[in-house]
N, C-alpha and C. Protein backbone atom coordinates (compact mmCIF):
# COMPACT_ATOMS: atom_id res chain seq x y z
N UNK A 1 -82.13 -169.38 -69.64
CA UNK A 1 -83.64 -168.45 -69.40
C UNK A 1 -83.14 -167.31 -68.77
N UNK A 2 -83.62 -166.28 -69.25
CA UNK A 2 -83.07 -164.82 -68.28
C UNK A 2 -83.81 -164.92 -67.40
N UNK A 3 -83.39 -164.21 -66.43
CA UNK A 3 -83.96 -163.63 -65.04
C UNK A 3 -84.63 -162.47 -65.19
N UNK A 4 -86.25 -162.79 -64.58
CA UNK A 4 -87.10 -161.52 -64.75
C UNK A 4 -87.07 -160.91 -63.57
N UNK A 5 -87.11 -159.55 -63.33
CA UNK A 5 -87.59 -158.69 -62.14
C UNK A 5 -88.77 -158.80 -61.99
N UNK A 6 -89.12 -159.48 -60.65
CA UNK A 6 -90.34 -159.39 -60.25
C UNK A 6 -90.89 -158.41 -59.41
N UNK A 7 -92.02 -157.59 -59.49
CA UNK A 7 -92.24 -156.32 -58.73
C UNK A 7 -93.41 -156.96 -57.84
N UNK A 8 -93.08 -156.85 -56.25
CA UNK A 8 -93.91 -157.36 -55.58
C UNK A 8 -95.11 -155.87 -55.17
N UNK A 9 -96.52 -156.16 -55.22
CA UNK A 9 -97.09 -155.14 -54.58
C UNK A 9 -97.83 -155.13 -53.43
N UNK A 10 -97.68 -154.37 -52.27
CA UNK A 10 -97.77 -154.93 -51.02
C UNK A 10 -99.32 -154.40 -50.79
N UNK A 11 -100.17 -155.44 -50.47
CA UNK A 11 -101.38 -154.98 -50.63
C UNK A 11 -102.33 -155.03 -49.25
N UNK A 12 -101.34 -154.80 -48.14
CA UNK A 12 -101.97 -154.67 -46.81
C UNK A 12 -101.05 -153.55 -46.15
N UNK A 13 -101.60 -153.10 -45.07
CA UNK A 13 -101.07 -152.22 -44.36
C UNK A 13 -99.93 -152.76 -43.25
N UNK A 14 -98.67 -151.96 -43.23
CA UNK A 14 -97.67 -152.01 -42.30
C UNK A 14 -97.71 -151.09 -41.49
N UNK A 15 -97.67 -151.29 -40.22
CA UNK A 15 -97.80 -150.47 -38.91
C UNK A 15 -96.24 -149.84 -38.90
N UNK A 16 -96.03 -148.57 -38.56
CA UNK A 16 -94.77 -147.73 -38.37
C UNK A 16 -94.06 -148.35 -37.35
N UNK A 17 -94.53 -149.16 -36.44
CA UNK A 17 -93.83 -149.93 -35.65
C UNK A 17 -93.08 -150.99 -36.49
N UNK A 18 -93.97 -151.75 -37.29
CA UNK A 18 -93.23 -152.71 -38.12
C UNK A 18 -91.89 -152.31 -39.19
N UNK A 19 -92.10 -151.08 -39.72
CA UNK A 19 -91.26 -150.43 -40.47
C UNK A 19 -90.15 -150.25 -39.69
N UNK A 20 -90.17 -149.41 -38.27
CA UNK A 20 -88.95 -149.43 -37.32
C UNK A 20 -88.28 -150.72 -37.25
N UNK A 21 -89.19 -151.75 -36.91
CA UNK A 21 -88.45 -153.11 -36.89
C UNK A 21 -87.56 -153.59 -37.90
N UNK A 22 -88.34 -153.45 -39.07
CA UNK A 22 -87.60 -153.74 -40.18
C UNK A 22 -86.38 -152.87 -40.61
N UNK A 23 -86.35 -151.61 -40.48
CA UNK A 23 -85.11 -150.82 -40.78
C UNK A 23 -84.05 -151.25 -39.65
N UNK A 24 -84.40 -151.66 -38.54
CA UNK A 24 -83.19 -152.12 -37.48
C UNK A 24 -82.72 -153.43 -38.08
N UNK A 25 -83.74 -154.20 -38.67
CA UNK A 25 -83.02 -155.64 -39.22
C UNK A 25 -82.38 -155.41 -40.03
N UNK A 26 -82.72 -154.61 -41.02
CA UNK A 26 -81.83 -154.24 -42.22
C UNK A 26 -80.51 -153.78 -41.95
N UNK A 27 -80.42 -152.96 -40.93
CA UNK A 27 -79.22 -152.46 -40.26
C UNK A 27 -78.21 -153.38 -39.47
N UNK A 28 -78.90 -154.93 -39.26
CA UNK A 28 -78.08 -155.73 -38.74
C UNK A 28 -78.57 -156.06 -37.17
N UNK A 29 -79.66 -155.45 -36.74
CA UNK A 29 -79.58 -155.64 -35.41
C UNK A 29 -80.59 -156.84 -35.18
N UNK A 30 -80.35 -157.63 -33.88
CA UNK A 30 -81.08 -158.70 -33.62
C UNK A 30 -82.21 -158.57 -32.95
N UNK A 31 -83.07 -159.57 -32.88
CA UNK A 31 -84.33 -159.58 -32.32
C UNK A 31 -84.32 -158.82 -30.87
N UNK A 32 -83.14 -159.46 -30.07
CA UNK A 32 -82.92 -158.95 -28.63
C UNK A 32 -82.73 -157.50 -28.62
N UNK A 33 -81.79 -157.17 -29.40
CA UNK A 33 -81.33 -155.67 -29.56
C UNK A 33 -82.72 -154.97 -30.02
N UNK A 34 -83.39 -155.22 -30.79
CA UNK A 34 -84.46 -154.35 -31.05
C UNK A 34 -85.38 -154.72 -30.24
N UNK A 35 -85.53 -155.59 -29.43
CA UNK A 35 -86.64 -155.42 -28.35
C UNK A 35 -86.15 -154.62 -27.15
N UNK A 36 -84.84 -154.37 -26.94
CA UNK A 36 -84.09 -153.39 -25.83
C UNK A 36 -84.59 -151.95 -26.51
N UNK A 37 -84.32 -151.80 -27.94
CA UNK A 37 -84.54 -150.40 -28.08
C UNK A 37 -85.88 -149.88 -28.20
N UNK A 38 -86.80 -150.84 -28.64
CA UNK A 38 -88.26 -150.48 -28.79
C UNK A 38 -88.95 -150.89 -27.31
N UNK A 39 -88.47 -151.45 -26.49
CA UNK A 39 -89.31 -151.67 -24.98
C UNK A 39 -90.30 -152.85 -25.26
N UNK A 40 -90.11 -153.82 -26.16
CA UNK A 40 -90.82 -154.67 -26.39
C UNK A 40 -90.28 -156.06 -26.19
N UNK A 41 -91.00 -157.01 -26.12
CA UNK A 41 -90.15 -158.66 -25.59
C UNK A 41 -89.87 -159.06 -27.07
N UNK A 42 -88.68 -159.94 -26.91
CA UNK A 42 -87.93 -160.40 -28.20
C UNK A 42 -88.63 -161.10 -29.00
N UNK A 43 -89.68 -162.08 -28.14
CA UNK A 43 -90.82 -162.76 -28.86
C UNK A 43 -91.94 -162.06 -29.65
N UNK A 44 -92.19 -160.73 -29.33
CA UNK A 44 -93.03 -159.88 -29.76
C UNK A 44 -92.56 -159.54 -31.14
N UNK A 45 -90.94 -158.90 -31.06
CA UNK A 45 -90.29 -158.74 -32.44
C UNK A 45 -90.37 -159.69 -33.15
N UNK A 46 -90.09 -161.29 -32.83
CA UNK A 46 -89.68 -162.15 -33.27
C UNK A 46 -91.68 -162.48 -34.18
N UNK A 47 -92.28 -162.47 -33.52
CA UNK A 47 -93.87 -162.57 -34.08
C UNK A 47 -93.97 -161.67 -35.25
N UNK A 48 -93.73 -160.32 -34.71
CA UNK A 48 -93.94 -159.22 -35.77
C UNK A 48 -93.36 -159.56 -37.42
N UNK A 49 -92.00 -159.59 -37.13
CA UNK A 49 -91.05 -160.27 -38.41
C UNK A 49 -91.73 -161.43 -39.04
N UNK A 50 -92.12 -162.68 -37.93
CA UNK A 50 -92.92 -163.69 -38.72
C UNK A 50 -94.26 -163.11 -39.42
N UNK A 51 -95.11 -162.70 -38.83
CA UNK A 51 -96.27 -162.26 -39.62
C UNK A 51 -95.79 -161.37 -40.99
N UNK A 52 -95.17 -160.37 -41.06
CA UNK A 52 -94.48 -159.98 -42.37
C UNK A 52 -94.17 -160.73 -43.05
N UNK A 53 -93.15 -161.87 -42.65
CA UNK A 53 -92.71 -162.81 -43.73
C UNK A 53 -93.92 -163.51 -44.27
N UNK A 54 -94.73 -163.90 -43.47
CA UNK A 54 -96.18 -164.78 -44.11
C UNK A 54 -97.02 -163.76 -45.00
N UNK A 55 -97.06 -162.78 -44.54
CA UNK A 55 -98.08 -161.68 -45.25
C UNK A 55 -97.53 -161.50 -46.79
N UNK A 56 -96.08 -161.48 -46.89
CA UNK A 56 -95.11 -161.26 -48.27
C UNK A 56 -94.82 -162.42 -48.74
N UNK A 57 -95.21 -163.39 -48.07
CA UNK A 57 -94.49 -164.79 -48.83
C UNK A 57 -93.11 -164.85 -48.73
N UNK A 58 -92.45 -164.31 -48.17
CA UNK A 58 -91.10 -164.35 -48.08
C UNK A 58 -90.33 -165.66 -47.34
N UNK A 59 -89.10 -166.39 -48.00
CA UNK A 59 -88.67 -167.35 -47.57
C UNK A 59 -88.02 -167.17 -46.13
N UNK A 60 -87.26 -165.80 -45.92
CA UNK A 60 -86.65 -165.64 -44.78
C UNK A 60 -86.48 -164.05 -44.45
N UNK A 61 -85.95 -163.90 -43.58
CA UNK A 61 -85.62 -162.60 -43.01
C UNK A 61 -84.96 -161.74 -44.24
N UNK A 62 -83.97 -162.29 -44.86
CA UNK A 62 -83.36 -161.51 -45.81
C UNK A 62 -84.15 -161.16 -46.81
N UNK A 63 -84.80 -162.35 -47.42
CA UNK A 63 -85.95 -162.01 -48.50
C UNK A 63 -86.87 -161.00 -48.32
N UNK A 64 -87.50 -160.83 -46.77
CA UNK A 64 -88.47 -159.86 -46.26
C UNK A 64 -88.03 -158.48 -46.66
N UNK A 65 -86.42 -158.38 -46.10
CA UNK A 65 -85.77 -156.87 -45.94
C UNK A 65 -85.62 -156.52 -47.31
N UNK A 66 -85.26 -157.24 -48.31
CA UNK A 66 -85.23 -156.93 -49.73
C UNK A 66 -86.41 -156.54 -50.20
N UNK A 67 -87.47 -157.31 -50.19
CA UNK A 67 -88.66 -156.92 -50.59
C UNK A 67 -89.44 -155.67 -50.12
N UNK A 68 -88.96 -155.33 -48.95
CA UNK A 68 -89.27 -154.18 -48.09
C UNK A 68 -88.41 -152.96 -49.04
N UNK A 69 -87.20 -153.37 -49.12
CA UNK A 69 -86.54 -152.27 -49.90
C UNK A 69 -86.80 -152.09 -51.44
N UNK A 70 -87.24 -153.00 -51.68
CA UNK A 70 -87.67 -152.62 -53.30
C UNK A 70 -88.97 -151.90 -53.19
N UNK A 71 -89.69 -152.21 -52.48
CA UNK A 71 -90.84 -151.56 -52.40
C UNK A 71 -90.77 -150.09 -51.74
N UNK A 72 -89.53 -149.55 -51.46
CA UNK A 72 -89.55 -148.46 -50.85
C UNK A 72 -90.24 -148.03 -49.41
N UNK A 73 -90.26 -149.57 -48.51
CA UNK A 73 -90.98 -149.10 -47.52
C UNK A 73 -89.70 -148.98 -46.30
N UNK A 74 -88.65 -149.52 -46.65
CA UNK A 74 -87.61 -149.18 -45.69
C UNK A 74 -86.54 -148.67 -46.37
N UNK A 75 -85.74 -147.99 -45.82
CA UNK A 75 -84.46 -147.55 -46.85
C UNK A 75 -83.08 -147.44 -45.91
């Protein structure tokens, strides 16, 4: 059975802060490192990532990062 490429259309708004967070995640930063850089609590960072995962129906953070890369939301 051939593997088909599925294109996800993002139908909700992603804040600029969420984009920054996900760029840092894609670059390999931890939630704690991101919280230090942005001046937010680690829990807040984790909550924003979880919200994005739920909105996009992503199984894990890697799946989320790949989805956002495919949609050209992060580079």
